[in-house]
Amino acid sequence: MPSTDPASGSGSGSSLSETRVERTRRLVVATASWIAVGAALGTVISLVLASIWTPRTGTDTAFALGALVLGFGVTAWSTAVGMGRTIEGMRDRLDVSSDWTEASAREAFFVVSWTGAGWVVAAAACSIAFGV
């Protein structure tokens, strides 16, 4: 029978590290996916705005919009982390029929934050590509 002593490298200690590795892998894949979505949005919006206005104005506006999305995501995520249990408790106490949970809010604003980060980087890259 395998040892359950974490120091031995097998048993529950090994299982725990495999779980952490799998969770980390899923988070990295999700982060990269949402950064790619944000980068695609940032590129498309930069190109569209640059074709309407000057390249500098277009890329600056695209960058500002991406920064707005990123800032909103980070602010809302930190609020969900900091006050999530309080909001859940108030929802339960007031008997509000809502599906809002701290975990779902953290996940939603994770998506918004990383999409905004990709958008900002892509808008900056477009600005560099246009030479402005």
Protein backbone atom coordinates (compact mmCIF):
# COMPACT_ATOMS: atom_id res chain seq x y z
CA MET A 1 0.00 0.00 0.00
CA PRO A 2 1.41 3.44 -0.92
CA SER A 3 2.46 5.79 1.84
CA THR A 4 0.28 8.82 2.60
CA ASP A 5 3.26 10.72 3.95
CA PRO A 6 3.67 13.84 1.74
CA ALA A 7 7.42 13.76 2.34
CA SER A 8 7.69 10.40 0.59
CA GLY A 9 6.61 11.86 -2.75
CA SER A 10 3.69 9.49 -3.25
CA GLY A 11 0.18 9.15 -1.93
CA SER A 12 -1.86 12.26 -1.15
CA GLY A 13 1.10 14.63 -1.52
CA SER A 14 1.63 13.56 -5.10
CA SER A 15 -2.09 13.71 -5.82
CA LEU A 16 -2.26 17.23 -4.44
CA SER A 17 0.60 18.42 -6.62
CA GLU A 18 -1.00 16.82 -9.69
CA THR A 19 -4.21 18.68 -8.90
CA ARG A 20 -2.30 21.95 -8.59
CA VAL A 21 -0.42 21.29 -11.81
CA GLU A 22 -3.69 20.55 -13.65
CA ARG A 23 -5.35 23.67 -12.22
CA THR A 24 -2.36 25.80 -13.14
CA ARG A 25 -2.36 24.37 -16.66
CA ARG A 26 -6.07 25.17 -17.07
CA LEU A 27 -5.56 28.72 -15.80
CA VAL A 28 -2.63 29.31 -18.16
CA VAL A 29 -4.61 27.98 -21.13
CA ALA A 30 -7.65 30.10 -20.20
CA THR A 31 -5.48 33.19 -19.72
CA ALA A 32 -3.76 32.73 -23.07
CA SER A 33 -7.11 32.18 -24.78
CA TRP A 34 -8.64 35.37 -23.42
CA ILE A 35 -5.48 37.37 -24.15
CA ALA A 36 -5.71 36.14 -27.75
CA VAL A 37 -9.36 37.19 -27.94
CA GLY A 38 -8.43 40.62 -26.57
CA ALA A 39 -5.52 40.90 -29.00
CA ALA A 40 -7.83 40.13 -31.92
CA LEU A 41 -10.33 42.74 -30.70
CA GLY A 42 -7.59 45.31 -30.17
CA THR A 43 -6.15 44.72 -33.62
CA VAL A 44 -9.49 44.89 -35.41
CA ILE A 45 -10.63 47.97 -33.51
CA SER A 46 -7.26 49.69 -34.08
CA LEU A 47 -7.44 49.01 -37.81
CA VAL A 48 -11.06 50.14 -38.10
CA LEU A 49 -10.47 53.33 -36.14
CA ALA A 50 -7.22 54.01 -38.01
CA SER A 51 -9.12 53.76 -41.30
CA ILE A 52 -11.75 56.22 -40.07
CA TRP A 53 -9.37 58.69 -38.41
CA THR A 54 -5.61 59.05 -38.57
CA PRO A 55 -3.54 56.04 -37.51
CA ARG A 56 -2.38 57.82 -34.36
CA THR A 57 -5.90 58.82 -33.30
CA GLY A 58 -7.24 55.37 -34.13
CA THR A 59 -4.63 53.44 -32.18
CA ASP A 60 -4.74 55.89 -29.26
CA THR A 61 -8.52 55.52 -29.05
CA ALA A 62 -8.30 51.72 -29.33
CA PHE A 63 -5.68 51.70 -26.55
CA ALA A 64 -7.89 53.89 -24.34
CA LEU A 65 -10.89 51.62 -24.89
CA GLY A 66 -8.79 48.56 -24.05
CA ALA A 67 -7.46 50.26 -20.92
CA LEU A 68 -11.04 51.04 -19.92
CA VAL A 69 -12.00 47.37 -20.28
CA LEU A 70 -8.89 46.25 -18.38
CA GLY A 71 -9.46 48.77 -15.58
CA PHE A 72 -13.11 47.83 -15.22
CA GLY A 73 -12.23 44.13 -15.12
CA VAL A 74 -9.55 44.52 -12.46
CA THR A 75 -11.71 46.82 -10.33
CA ALA A 76 -14.76 44.55 -10.53
CA TRP A 77 -12.64 41.44 -9.91
CA SER A 78 -11.09 42.93 -6.78
CA THR A 79 -14.55 43.95 -5.56
CA ALA A 80 -15.85 40.42 -6.14
CA VAL A 81 -12.90 38.98 -4.21
CA GLY A 82 -13.09 41.50 -1.39
CA MET A 83 -16.84 41.67 -0.92
CA GLY A 84 -18.10 38.49 -2.59
CA ARG A 85 -19.03 36.62 0.57
CA THR A 86 -20.72 39.70 1.99
CA ILE A 87 -22.78 40.14 -1.16
CA GLU A 88 -23.68 36.43 -1.15
CA GLY A 89 -24.70 36.71 2.52
CA MET A 90 -26.88 39.76 1.86
CA ARG A 91 -28.45 38.03 -1.14
CA ASP A 92 -29.34 35.04 1.04
CA ARG A 93 -30.55 37.19 3.93
CA LEU A 94 -32.77 39.33 1.70
CA ASP A 95 -33.97 36.20 -0.11
CA VAL A 96 -33.15 37.63 -3.53
CA SER A 97 -33.62 35.17 -6.38
CA SER A 98 -30.30 35.66 -8.11
CA ASP A 99 -27.73 33.21 -9.44
CA TRP A 100 -24.85 35.56 -8.56
CA THR A 101 -21.97 33.89 -6.76
CA GLU A 102 -18.52 35.06 -5.79
CA ALA A 103 -16.93 32.34 -7.92
CA SER A 104 -18.93 33.22 -11.04
CA ALA A 105 -18.14 36.91 -10.59
CA ARG A 106 -14.42 36.18 -10.21
CA GLU A 107 -14.51 34.07 -13.37
CA ALA A 108 -16.40 36.71 -15.35
CA PHE A 109 -14.03 39.50 -14.39
CA PHE A 110 -11.03 37.24 -15.01
CA VAL A 111 -12.28 37.06 -18.61
CA VAL A 112 -12.85 40.82 -18.84
CA SER A 113 -9.45 41.65 -17.32
CA TRP A 114 -7.37 39.37 -19.55
CA THR A 115 -9.34 40.38 -22.65
CA GLY A 116 -8.59 44.01 -21.82
CA ALA A 117 -4.91 43.20 -21.32
CA GLY A 118 -4.67 41.57 -24.74
CA TRP A 119 -6.55 44.48 -26.29
CA VAL A 120 -4.15 47.05 -24.79
CA VAL A 121 -1.07 45.16 -25.96
CA ALA A 122 -2.49 44.74 -29.48
CA ALA A 123 -3.40 48.42 -29.74
CA ALA A 124 0.13 49.37 -28.68
CA ALA A 125 1.58 46.91 -31.21
CA CYS A 126 -0.59 48.40 -33.96
CA SER A 127 0.64 51.85 -33.00
CA ILE A 128 4.22 50.62 -33.33
CA ALA A 129 3.43 48.93 -36.65
CA PHE A 130 1.95 52.18 -38.00
CA GLY A 131 5.02 54.07 -36.78
CA VAL A 132 3.06 56.55 -34.70
